[in-house]
C-alpha atoms as a PDB file:
ATOM      1  CA  MET A   1      -0.442  -0.368  -0.225  1.00  0.00           C
ATOM      2  CA  ARG A   2       1.978   3.223  -1.463  1.00  0.00           C
ATOM      3  CA  TYR A   3       0.497   6.896  -1.050  1.00  0.00           C
ATOM      4  CA  PHE A   4       1.061   8.524  -4.179  1.00  0.00           C
ATOM      5  CA  GLY A   5      -0.524  12.023  -2.553  1.00  0.00           C
ATOM      6  CA  HIS A   6      -3.875  14.226  -1.849  1.00  0.00           C
ATOM      7  CA  ALA A   7      -6.542  10.524  -2.415  1.00  0.00           C
ATOM      8  CA  CYS A   8      -4.080   8.789  -4.502  1.00  0.00           C
ATOM      9  CA  LEU A   9      -3.683   5.575  -3.125  1.00  0.00           C
ATOM     10  CA  VAL A  10      -2.025   2.090  -4.755  1.00  0.00           C
ATOM     11  CA  LEU A  11      -3.268  -1.327  -3.249  1.00  0.00           C
ATOM     12  CA  GLN A  12      -1.141  -3.818  -4.607  1.00  0.00           C
ATOM     13  CA  SER A  13      -1.369  -7.997  -3.599  1.00  0.00           C
ATOM     14  CA  PRO A  14      -0.031 -10.939  -5.878  1.00  0.00           C
ATOM     15  CA  GLU A  15      -3.039 -10.977  -8.217  1.00  0.00           C
ATOM     16  CA  ALA A  16      -4.302  -7.418  -8.337  1.00  0.00           C
ATOM     17  CA  THR A  17      -3.498  -3.412  -8.002  1.00  0.00           C
ATOM     18  CA  ILE A  18      -6.400  -0.706  -7.384  1.00  0.00           C
ATOM     19  CA  ILE A  19      -5.483   3.173  -7.949  1.00  0.00           C
ATOM     20  CA  THR A  20      -7.614   5.932  -6.257  1.00  0.00           C
ATOM     21  CA  ASP A  21      -8.356   9.180  -7.704  1.00  0.00           C
ATOM     22  CA  PRO A  22      -5.299   9.299  -8.877  1.00  0.00           C
ATOM     23  CA  PHE A  23      -3.349  12.763  -8.993  1.00  0.00           C
ATOM     24  CA  ILE A  24       0.279  11.513  -9.711  1.00  0.00           C
ATOM     25  CA  SER A  25       3.265  14.094  -9.163  1.00  0.00           C
ATOM     26  CA  GLY A  26       5.936  13.818 -12.747  1.00  0.00           C
ATOM     27  CA  ASP A  27       8.927  14.837 -10.905  1.00  0.00           C
ATOM     28  CA  SER A  28      10.476  12.724  -7.792  1.00  0.00           C
ATOM     29  CA  THR A  29      13.273  15.079  -7.366  1.00  0.00           C
ATOM     30  CA  ALA A  30      11.408  18.556  -6.706  1.00  0.00           C
ATOM     31  CA  THR A  31       8.344  16.949  -4.473  1.00  0.00           C
ATOM     32  CA  GLY A  32       9.796  13.566  -2.577  1.00  0.00           C
ATOM     33  CA  ARG A  33       6.474  11.737  -4.024  1.00  0.00           C
ATOM     34  CA  TYR A  34       6.067   8.844  -6.107  1.00  0.00           C
ATOM     35  CA  THR A  35       5.670   9.148  -9.774  1.00  0.00           C
ATOM     36  CA  TYR A  36       4.488   7.364 -12.716  1.00  0.00           C
ATOM     37  CA  ASP A  37       7.957   5.216 -12.659  1.00  0.00           C
ATOM     38  CA  ASP A  38       6.364   3.673  -9.930  1.00  0.00           C
ATOM     39  CA  LEU A  39       3.507   2.648 -10.938  1.00  0.00           C
ATOM     40  CA  PRO A  40       3.247  -1.158 -12.053  1.00  0.00           C
ATOM     41  CA  ASP A  41       2.683  -2.107 -16.366  1.00  0.00           C
ATOM     42  CA  HIS A  42      -0.714  -3.085 -15.425  1.00  0.00           C
ATOM     43  CA  ILE A  43      -3.696  -1.859 -12.856  1.00  0.00           C
ATOM     44  CA  ASP A  44      -6.696  -4.129 -12.822  1.00  0.00           C
ATOM     45  CA  VAL A  45      -9.201  -1.640 -11.194  1.00  0.00           C
ATOM     46  CA  CYS A  46      -8.618   2.400 -11.146  1.00  0.00           C
ATOM     47  CA  LEU A  47     -11.426   4.178  -8.731  1.00  0.00           C
ATOM     48  CA  ILE A  48     -12.962   7.827  -9.239  1.00  0.00           C
ATOM     49  CA  THR A  49     -14.567   9.092  -5.809  1.00  0.00           C
ATOM     50  CA  HIS A  50     -16.229  11.954  -7.162  1.00  0.00           C
ATOM     51  CA  GLY A  51     -15.685  14.492 -10.283  1.00  0.00           C
ATOM     52  CA  HIS A  52     -14.553  17.529  -8.241  1.00  0.00           C
ATOM     53  CA  GLN A  53     -10.833  18.709 -10.121  1.00  0.00           C
ATOM     54  CA  ASP A  54      -8.541  17.259  -8.077  1.00  0.00           C
ATOM     55  CA  HIS A  55     -10.096  13.696  -7.571  1.00  0.00           C
ATOM     56  CA  ILE A  56     -10.546  12.712 -11.442  1.00  0.00           C
ATOM     57  CA  VAL A  57      -7.559  14.425 -13.361  1.00  0.00           C
ATOM     58  CA  LEU A  58      -7.709  14.104 -16.817  1.00  0.00           C
ATOM     59  CA  GLU A  59      -3.583  14.822 -17.003  1.00  0.00           C
ATOM     60  CA  SER A  60      -2.636  11.825 -14.879  1.00  0.00           C
ATOM     61  CA  LEU A  61      -5.708   9.536 -16.165  1.00  0.00           C
ATOM     62  CA  LEU A  62      -4.278  10.139 -19.974  1.00  0.00           C
ATOM     63  CA  GLN A  63      -1.080   9.288 -18.728  1.00  0.00           C
ATOM     64  CA  LEU A  64      -2.659   6.434 -17.437  1.00  0.00           C
ATOM     65  CA  ARG A  65      -5.017   4.988 -19.999  1.00  0.00           C
ATOM     66  CA  GLY A  66      -2.866   1.969 -21.786  1.00  0.00           C
ATOM     67  CA  ARG A  67      -2.333   0.486 -17.676  1.00  0.00           C
ATOM     68  CA  ILE A  68      -5.738   0.444 -16.589  1.00  0.00           C
ATOM     69  CA  GLY A  69      -8.063  -2.831 -17.075  1.00  0.00           C
ATOM     70  CA  THR A  70     -11.317  -0.731 -16.009  1.00  0.00           C
ATOM     71  CA  VAL A  71     -12.243   2.774 -14.606  1.00  0.00           C
ATOM     72  CA  VAL A  72     -15.063   1.944 -11.446  1.00  0.00           C
ATOM     73  CA  VAL A  73     -17.317   5.403 -11.260  1.00  0.00           C
ATOM     74  CA  PRO A  74     -20.684   6.023  -8.912  1.00  0.00           C
ATOM     75  CA  ARG A  75     -23.279   6.320 -10.977  1.00  0.00           C
ATOM     76  CA  SER A  76     -24.962   9.984 -11.828  1.00  0.00           C
ATOM     77  CA  SER A  77     -28.641  11.064 -11.792  1.00  0.00           C
ATOM     78  CA  GLY A  78     -29.063  11.882 -15.290  1.00  0.00           C
ATOM     79  CA  GLY A  79     -29.911  15.184 -16.483  1.00  0.00           C
ATOM     80  CA  ASN A  80     -28.508  17.115 -13.970  1.00  0.00           C
ATOM     81  CA  LEU A  81     -25.903  20.045 -15.474  1.00  0.00           C
ATOM     82  CA  SER A  82     -24.296  19.768 -12.243  1.00  0.00           C
ATOM     83  CA  ASP A  83     -24.086  15.959 -11.901  1.00  0.00           C
ATOM     84  CA  PRO A  84     -22.563  15.198 -15.275  1.00  0.00           C
ATOM     85  CA  SER A  85     -22.193  11.679 -15.795  1.00  0.00           C
ATOM     86  CA  LEU A  86     -18.386  10.559 -15.325  1.00  0.00           C
ATOM     87  CA  ALA A  87     -18.893   7.313 -17.287  1.00  0.00           C
ATOM     88  CA  LEU A  88     -19.592   9.213 -20.556  1.00  0.00           C
ATOM     89  CA  TYR A  89     -17.124  11.306 -20.065  1.00  0.00           C
ATOM     90  CA  LEU A  90     -14.251   8.513 -19.610  1.00  0.00           C
ATOM     91  CA  SER A  91     -15.515   6.204 -22.024  1.00  0.00           C
ATOM     92  CA  ALA A  92     -15.507   9.204 -24.418  1.00  0.00           C
ATOM     93  CA  LEU A  93     -11.202   9.234 -23.560  1.00  0.00           C
ATOM     94  CA  GLY A  94     -11.627   5.195 -24.657  1.00  0.00           C
ATOM     95  CA  MET A  95     -11.057   3.981 -21.438  1.00  0.00           C
ATOM     96  CA  ASP A  96     -12.820   0.924 -20.099  1.00  0.00           C
ATOM     97  CA  VAL A  97     -15.451   2.125 -17.281  1.00  0.00           C
ATOM     98  CA  THR A  98     -17.702   0.927 -14.967  1.00  0.00           C
ATOM     99  CA  GLU A  99     -20.223   2.554 -13.138  1.00  0.00           C
ATOM    100  CA  ALA A 100     -21.656   1.398  -9.940  1.00  0.00           C
ATOM    101  CA  ASP A 101     -24.483   2.255  -7.868  1.00  0.00           C
ATOM    102  CA  ILE A 102     -25.012   2.062  -3.988  1.00  0.00           C
ATOM    103  CA  PHE A 103     -23.803  -1.279  -2.442  1.00  0.00           C
ATOM    104  CA  GLU A 104     -23.568  -2.771  -5.622  1.00  0.00           C
ATOM    105  CA  GLU A 105     -20.264  -4.877  -6.008  1.00  0.00           C
ATOM    106  CA  VAL A 106     -17.347  -4.747  -8.719  1.00  0.00           C
ATOM    107  CA  PRO A 107     -15.099  -8.007  -7.817  1.00  0.00           C
ATOM    108  CA  PHE A 108     -11.601  -8.416  -8.940  1.00  0.00           C
ATOM    109  CA  PRO A 109      -8.819 -11.074  -9.323  1.00  0.00           C
ATOM    110  CA  GLY A 110      -8.128 -12.110  -5.574  1.00  0.00           C
ATOM    111  CA  GLY A 111     -10.817  -9.528  -3.775  1.00  0.00           C
ATOM    112  CA  ARG A 112     -13.526  -7.433  -4.255  1.00  0.00           C
ATOM    113  CA  LEU A 113     -14.935  -3.743  -3.896  1.00  0.00           C
ATOM    114  CA  VAL A 114     -18.292  -2.574  -3.092  1.00  0.00           C
ATOM    115  CA  ALA A 115     -19.489   0.909  -3.760  1.00  0.00           C
ATOM    116  CA  THR A 116     -20.506   2.665  -0.300  1.00  0.00           C
ATOM    117  CA  PRO A 117     -22.529   6.100   0.229  1.00  0.00           C
ATOM    118  CA  PHE A 118     -20.642   9.513  -0.015  1.00  0.00           C
ATOM    119  CA  LEU A 119     -22.489  11.846   2.175  1.00  0.00           C
ATOM    120  CA  GLY A 120     -21.731  15.322   2.179  1.00  0.00           C
ATOM    121  CA  GLU A 121     -18.963  17.946   0.809  1.00  0.00           C
ATOM    122  CA  HIS A 122     -20.994  18.665  -2.275  1.00  0.00           C
ATOM    123  CA  ALA A 123     -22.415  21.871  -1.344  1.00  0.00           C
ATOM    124  CA  ASP A 124     -26.086  20.452  -0.894  1.00  0.00           C
ATOM    125  CA  LEU A 125     -26.716  19.884  -4.353  1.00  0.00           C
ATOM    126  CA  ASP A 126     -28.402  16.605  -5.733  1.00  0.00           C
ATOM    127  CA  ILE A 127     -25.174  15.198  -7.091  1.00  0.00           C
ATOM    128  CA  ARG A 128     -25.030  11.337  -7.014  1.00  0.00           C
ATOM    129  CA  ALA A 129     -21.887  10.883  -8.597  1.00  0.00           C
ATOM    130  CA  LYS A 130     -20.169  10.516  -5.864  1.00  0.00           C
ATOM    131  CA  SER A 131     -18.964   7.218  -3.851  1.00  0.00           C
ATOM    132  CA  THR A 132     -16.644   6.103  -1.417  1.00  0.00           C
ATOM    133  CA  TYR A 133     -15.670   2.324  -1.726  1.00  0.00           C
ATOM    134  CA  TRP A 134     -15.263  -0.578   0.682  1.00  0.00           C
ATOM    135  CA  VAL A 135     -11.837  -2.583  -0.946  1.00  0.00           C
ATOM    136  CA  GLN A 136     -11.062  -6.025   0.883  1.00  0.00           C
ATOM    137  CA  LEU A 137      -8.002  -7.468  -0.693  1.00  0.00           C
ATOM    138  CA  ALA A 138      -5.380  -9.468   0.403  1.00  0.00           C
ATOM    139  CA  GLY A 139      -7.230 -10.610   3.440  1.00  0.00           C
ATOM    140  CA  ARG A 140      -7.439  -6.759   4.641  1.00  0.00           C
ATOM    141  CA  SER A 141     -10.788  -4.439   4.177  1.00  0.00           C
ATOM    142  CA  ILE A 142     -10.111  -0.826   3.636  1.00  0.00           C
ATOM    143  CA  PHE A 143     -12.219   1.698   3.528  1.00  0.00           C
ATOM    144  CA  ILE A 144     -11.406   4.933   0.470  1.00  0.00           C
ATOM    145  CA  GLY A 145     -13.447   7.651   2.513  1.00  0.00           C
ATOM    146  CA  ALA A 146     -12.427  10.529   0.238  1.00  0.00           C
ATOM    147  CA  ASP A 147     -13.713  13.856   0.964  1.00  0.00           C
ATOM    148  CA  SER A 148     -17.076  12.493   2.300  1.00  0.00           C
ATOM    149  CA  SER A 149     -18.421  13.809   6.000  1.00  0.00           C
ATOM    150  CA  GLY A 150     -19.623  11.964   9.071  1.00  0.00           C
ATOM    151  CA  VAL A 151     -22.808  13.765   9.486  1.00  0.00           C
ATOM    152  CA  ASP A 152     -24.859  10.709  10.063  1.00  0.00           C
ATOM    153  CA  PRO A 153     -23.224   7.961  11.797  1.00  0.00           C
ATOM    154  CA  ALA A 154     -25.935   5.668  11.473  1.00  0.00           C
ATOM    155  CA  LEU A 155     -24.966   5.339   7.905  1.00  0.00           C
ATOM    156  CA  TYR A 156     -21.348   4.053   8.421  1.00  0.00           C
ATOM    157  CA  ARG A 157     -22.860   1.735  10.918  1.00  0.00           C
ATOM    158  CA  HIS A 158     -25.279  -0.270   8.390  1.00  0.00           C
ATOM    159  CA  VAL A 159     -22.402  -0.297   5.911  1.00  0.00           C
ATOM    160  CA  ARG A 160     -20.346  -1.985   9.025  1.00  0.00           C
ATOM    161  CA  SER A 161     -23.622  -4.169   9.233  1.00  0.00           C
ATOM    162  CA  HIS A 162     -23.355  -5.237   5.222  1.00  0.00           C
ATOM    163  CA  LEU A 163     -19.867  -5.270   5.180  1.00  0.00           C
ATOM    164  CA  GLY A 164     -18.308  -6.548   8.186  1.00  0.00           C
ATOM    165  CA  ALA A 165     -15.576  -4.016  10.318  1.00  0.00           C
ATOM    166  CA  THR A 166     -13.245  -2.001   8.429  1.00  0.00           C
ATOM    167  CA  ASP A 167      -9.144  -2.554   9.163  1.00  0.00           C
ATOM    168  CA  MET A 168      -8.235   0.809   7.681  1.00  0.00           C
ATOM    169  CA  ALA A 169      -9.781   4.217   6.749  1.00  0.00           C
ATOM    170  CA  PHE A 170      -9.157   6.789   5.121  1.00  0.00           C
ATOM    171  CA  LEU A 171     -10.183   9.921   5.175  1.00  0.00           C
ATOM    172  CA  GLY A 172     -10.679  13.518   3.700  1.00  0.00           C
ATOM    173  CA  MET A 173     -10.911  16.383   6.583  1.00  0.00           C
ATOM    174  CA  GLU A 174     -11.043  19.614   4.347  1.00  0.00           C
ATOM    175  CA  CYS A 175     -13.753  20.753   6.956  1.00  0.00           C
ATOM    176  CA  ASP A 176     -13.825  24.030   6.274  1.00  0.00           C
ATOM    177  CA  GLY A 177     -14.021  24.379   2.447  1.00  0.00           C
ATOM    178  CA  ALA A 178     -15.197  26.502  -0.400  1.00  0.00           C
ATOM    179  CA  PRO A 179     -18.265  27.949  -0.580  1.00  0.00           C
ATOM    180  CA  LEU A 180     -21.137  26.644  -2.860  1.00  0.00           C
ATOM    181  CA  THR A 181     -20.229  29.284  -6.411  1.00  0.00           C
ATOM    182  CA  TRP A 182     -16.071  28.480  -6.053  1.00  0.00           C
ATOM    183  CA  LEU A 183     -16.797  25.564  -7.620  1.00  0.00           C
ATOM    184  CA  TYR A 184     -20.391  24.836  -9.122  1.00  0.00           C
ATOM    185  CA  GLN A 185     -22.035  28.751 -10.157  1.00  0.00           C
ATOM    186  CA  ALA A 186     -21.061  28.186 -13.805  1.00  0.00           C
ATOM    187  CA  LEU A 187     -23.183  25.261 -13.669  1.00  0.00           C
ATOM    188  CA  LEU A 188     -26.251  26.617 -12.107  1.00  0.00           C
ATOM    189  CA  THR A 189     -29.466  27.688 -13.647  1.00  0.00           C
ATOM    190  CA  ARG A 190     -29.868  30.471 -11.470  1.00  0.00           C
ATOM    191  CA  PRO A 191     -28.266  33.044  -9.126  1.00  0.00           C
ATOM    192  CA  ILE A 192     -27.115  31.964  -5.943  1.00  0.00           C
ATOM    193  CA  PRO A 193     -26.940  34.691  -3.042  1.00  0.00           C
ATOM    194  CA  LYS A 194     -23.589  35.300  -1.134  1.00  0.00           C
ATOM    195  CA  ARG A 195     -25.362  34.552   1.535  1.00  0.00           C
ATOM    196  CA  MET A 196     -26.527  30.658   0.759  1.00  0.00           C
ATOM    197  CA  SER A 197     -23.149  30.456  -1.168  1.00  0.00           C
ATOM    198  CA  ASP A 198     -21.220  30.772   2.016  1.00  0.00           C
ATOM    199  CA  SER A 199     -23.277  28.480   3.928  1.00  0.00           C
ATOM    200  CA  ARG A 200     -23.270  25.588   1.498  1.00  0.00           C
ATOM    201  CA  LYS A 201     -19.277  24.733   1.615  1.00  0.00           C
ATOM    202  CA  LEU A 202     -17.460  21.840  -0.006  1.00  0.00           C
ATOM    203  CA  SER A 203     -16.405  20.310   3.180  1.00  0.00           C
ATOM    204  CA  GLY A 204     -15.604  16.966   4.433  1.00  0.00           C
ATOM    205  CA  SER A 205     -15.197  15.504   8.106  1.00  0.00           C
ATOM    206  CA  ASN A 206     -14.165  17.171  11.013  1.00  0.00           C
ATOM    207  CA  ALA A 207     -12.291  15.681  13.991  1.00  0.00           C
ATOM    208  CA  VAL A 208     -16.255  14.957  15.635  1.00  0.00           C
ATOM    209  CA  GLN A 209     -17.321  13.268  12.105  1.00  0.00           C
ATOM    210  CA  ALA A 210     -14.043  11.648  11.376  1.00  0.00           C
ATOM    211  CA  ALA A 211     -14.259  10.188  14.812  1.00  0.00           C
ATOM    212  CA  ASP A 212     -17.775   8.779  14.195  1.00  0.00           C
ATOM    213  CA  ILE A 213     -16.687   7.222  10.859  1.00  0.00           C
ATOM    214  CA  VAL A 214     -14.161   5.290  13.008  1.00  0.00           C
ATOM    215  CA  THR A 215     -16.282   4.307  15.619  1.00  0.00           C
ATOM    216  CA  GLU A 216     -18.934   2.721  12.978  1.00  0.00           C
ATOM    217  CA  LEU A 217     -16.546   1.065  11.080  1.00  0.00           C
ATOM    218  CA  GLY A 218     -14.543  -0.416  13.541  1.00  0.00           C
ATOM    219  CA  ALA A 219     -11.242   0.740  11.644  1.00  0.00           C
ATOM    220  CA  ARG A 220      -8.451  -0.180  13.687  1.00  0.00           C
ATOM    221  CA  GLU A 221      -6.600   2.183  11.678  1.00  0.00           C
ATOM    222  CA  ALA A 222      -7.232   5.865  10.329  1.00  0.00           C
ATOM    223  CA  TYR A 223      -5.518   7.871   7.813  1.00  0.00           C
ATOM    224  CA  VAL A 224      -6.110  11.403   6.602  1.00  0.00           C
ATOM    225  CA  TYR A 225      -5.548  12.475   3.549  1.00  0.00           C
ATOM    226  CA  ALA A 226      -3.387  15.352   2.424  1.00  0.00           C
ATOM    227  CA  MET A 227      -5.697  18.525   1.584  1.00  0.00           C
ATOM    228  CA  GLY A 228      -3.862  19.771  -1.156  1.00  0.00           C
ATOM    229  CA  GLU A 229      -0.394  20.381   1.371  1.00  0.00           C
ATOM    230  CA  GLU A 230       1.653  19.220  -1.408  1.00  0.00           C
ATOM    231  CA  SER A 231       3.333  22.363  -3.250  1.00  0.00           C
ATOM    232  CA  TRP A 232       3.117  20.664  -6.753  1.00  0.00           C
ATOM    233  CA  LEU A 233      -0.898  20.946  -6.253  1.00  0.00           C
ATOM    234  CA  GLY A 234      -1.806  24.862  -5.747  1.00  0.00           C
ATOM    235  CA  HIS A 235      -2.564  25.471  -8.773  1.00  0.00           C
ATOM    236  CA  VAL A 236      -5.564  23.069  -8.633  1.00  0.00           C
ATOM    237  CA  MET A 237      -6.708  23.236  -4.749  1.00  0.00           C
ATOM    238  CA  ALA A 238      -5.751  27.302  -4.308  1.00  0.00           C
ATOM    239  CA  THR A 239      -5.506  26.789  -0.754  1.00  0.00           C
ATOM    240  CA  SER A 240      -2.698  27.621   2.165  1.00  0.00           C
ATOM    241  CA  TYR A 241      -2.685  26.159   5.564  1.00  0.00           C
ATOM    242  CA  ASP A 242      -0.724  27.030   8.854  1.00  0.00           C
ATOM    243  CA  GLU A 243      -0.329  25.976  12.162  1.00  0.00           C
ATOM    244  CA  SER A 244      -3.354  28.223  13.023  1.00  0.00           C
ATOM    245  CA  SER A 245      -5.451  26.530  10.402  1.00  0.00           C
ATOM    246  CA  TYR A 246      -8.910  25.279  11.397  1.00  0.00           C
ATOM    247  CA  GLN A 247      -8.785  22.212   9.430  1.00  0.00           C
ATOM    248  CA  LEU A 248      -5.088  20.924  10.831  1.00  0.00           C
ATOM    249  CA  GLN A 249      -6.350  21.904  14.160  1.00  0.00           C
ATOM    250  CA  GLN A 250      -9.086  19.366  13.714  1.00  0.00           C
ATOM    251  CA  ILE A 251      -6.823  17.074  12.279  1.00  0.00           C
ATOM    252  CA  GLU A 252      -4.418  17.308  15.135  1.00  0.00           C
ATOM    253  CA  GLU A 253      -8.090  16.801  17.431  1.00  0.00           C
ATOM    254  CA  PHE A 254      -8.445  13.623  15.237  1.00  0.00           C
ATOM    255  CA  LEU A 255      -5.172  11.978  16.001  1.00  0.00           C
ATOM    256  CA  GLY A 256      -5.579  12.665  19.555  1.00  0.00           C
ATOM    257  CA  TRP A 257      -9.040  11.216  19.651  1.00  0.00           C
ATOM    258  CA  CYS A 258      -7.357   8.029  17.606  1.00  0.00           C
ATOM    259  CA  LYS A 259      -4.322   7.823  20.290  1.00  0.00           C
ATOM    260  CA  VAL A 260      -6.776   7.949  23.287  1.00  0.00           C
ATOM    261  CA  HIS A 261      -9.162   5.364  21.536  1.00  0.00           C
ATOM    262  CA  ASP A 262      -5.896   2.910  20.637  1.00  0.00           C
ATOM    263  CA  VAL A 263      -6.444   3.405  17.434  1.00  0.00           C
ATOM    264  CA  GLU A 264      -3.524   3.772  14.422  1.00  0.00           C
ATOM    265  CA  ALA A 265      -3.510   6.803  12.904  1.00  0.00           C
ATOM    266  CA  GLY A 266      -1.652   9.568  10.795  1.00  0.00           C
ATOM    267  CA  HIS A 267      -1.712  12.213   8.924  1.00  0.00           C
ATOM    268  CA  LEU A 268      -0.438  11.462   5.263  1.00  0.00           C
ATOM    269  CA  GLY A 269       0.262  15.607   4.222  1.00  0.00           C
ATOM    270  CA  ARG A 270       3.142  15.073   7.005  1.00  0.00           C
ATOM    271  CA  VAL A 271       4.534  11.471   5.522  1.00  0.00           C
ATOM    272  CA  LEU A 272       5.883  10.311   2.472  1.00  0.00           C
ATOM    273  CA  GLY A 273       5.459   6.437   0.824  1.00  0.00           C
ATOM    274  CA  ALA A 274       4.107   3.334   2.070  1.00  0.00           C
ATOM    275  CA  VAL A 275       1.383   3.437   4.927  1.00  0.00           C
END
């Protein structure tokens, strides 16, 4: 299991390789990260969690197109301008695409994956093309949480009752995100008042919500993605942090909670390489 930055993980077993939300640096000397040269020649499954520009990255997908067996994407609502079909988009690029509904299983050699619900982070818009994933590989179960939010802990309790406890959970904690219009203004058919835009943000889990996810999933390990903290992502994320930033304070609070509750945890914005 290797971390390539942002929400990109590479999971490998003797039978299969899975990559999540590929966003890959091309220069290891400048970033210290893994690059395209560190990827296997064949990737069985590429998981896309949602359609935001830091999770479905055309520049990376085109370079990987010849290596990927199938790309698994969440099914959109259809006909909604702010919820375009990721399957149509990637099929037009010549990629083999598998569209998955919630709790639909996609088998692969030596394991299986299940599309699980994705709450929050989309500014209260009716966007269905978003999914977390539960992956079972090499005898371990891994929850790919992307930027989803633990606004309803009961949901994750149902996930556990359906699929079993999770060994590892990967979570996004950009818990004070951009306002609605920062990303969606051009896709909306009527003007949005500033007050409405500012109150509906593109936010992931805060410390309490992340703790609820880990608790309900029964995860023994939890890792927080970098939130665009990598220098090579500034042109896409338009974010900057210092030690006083609310987002980083929430991550530290969550890591403290994990320590108290005997959950192995880490902030991937502060580490390189293998998990």
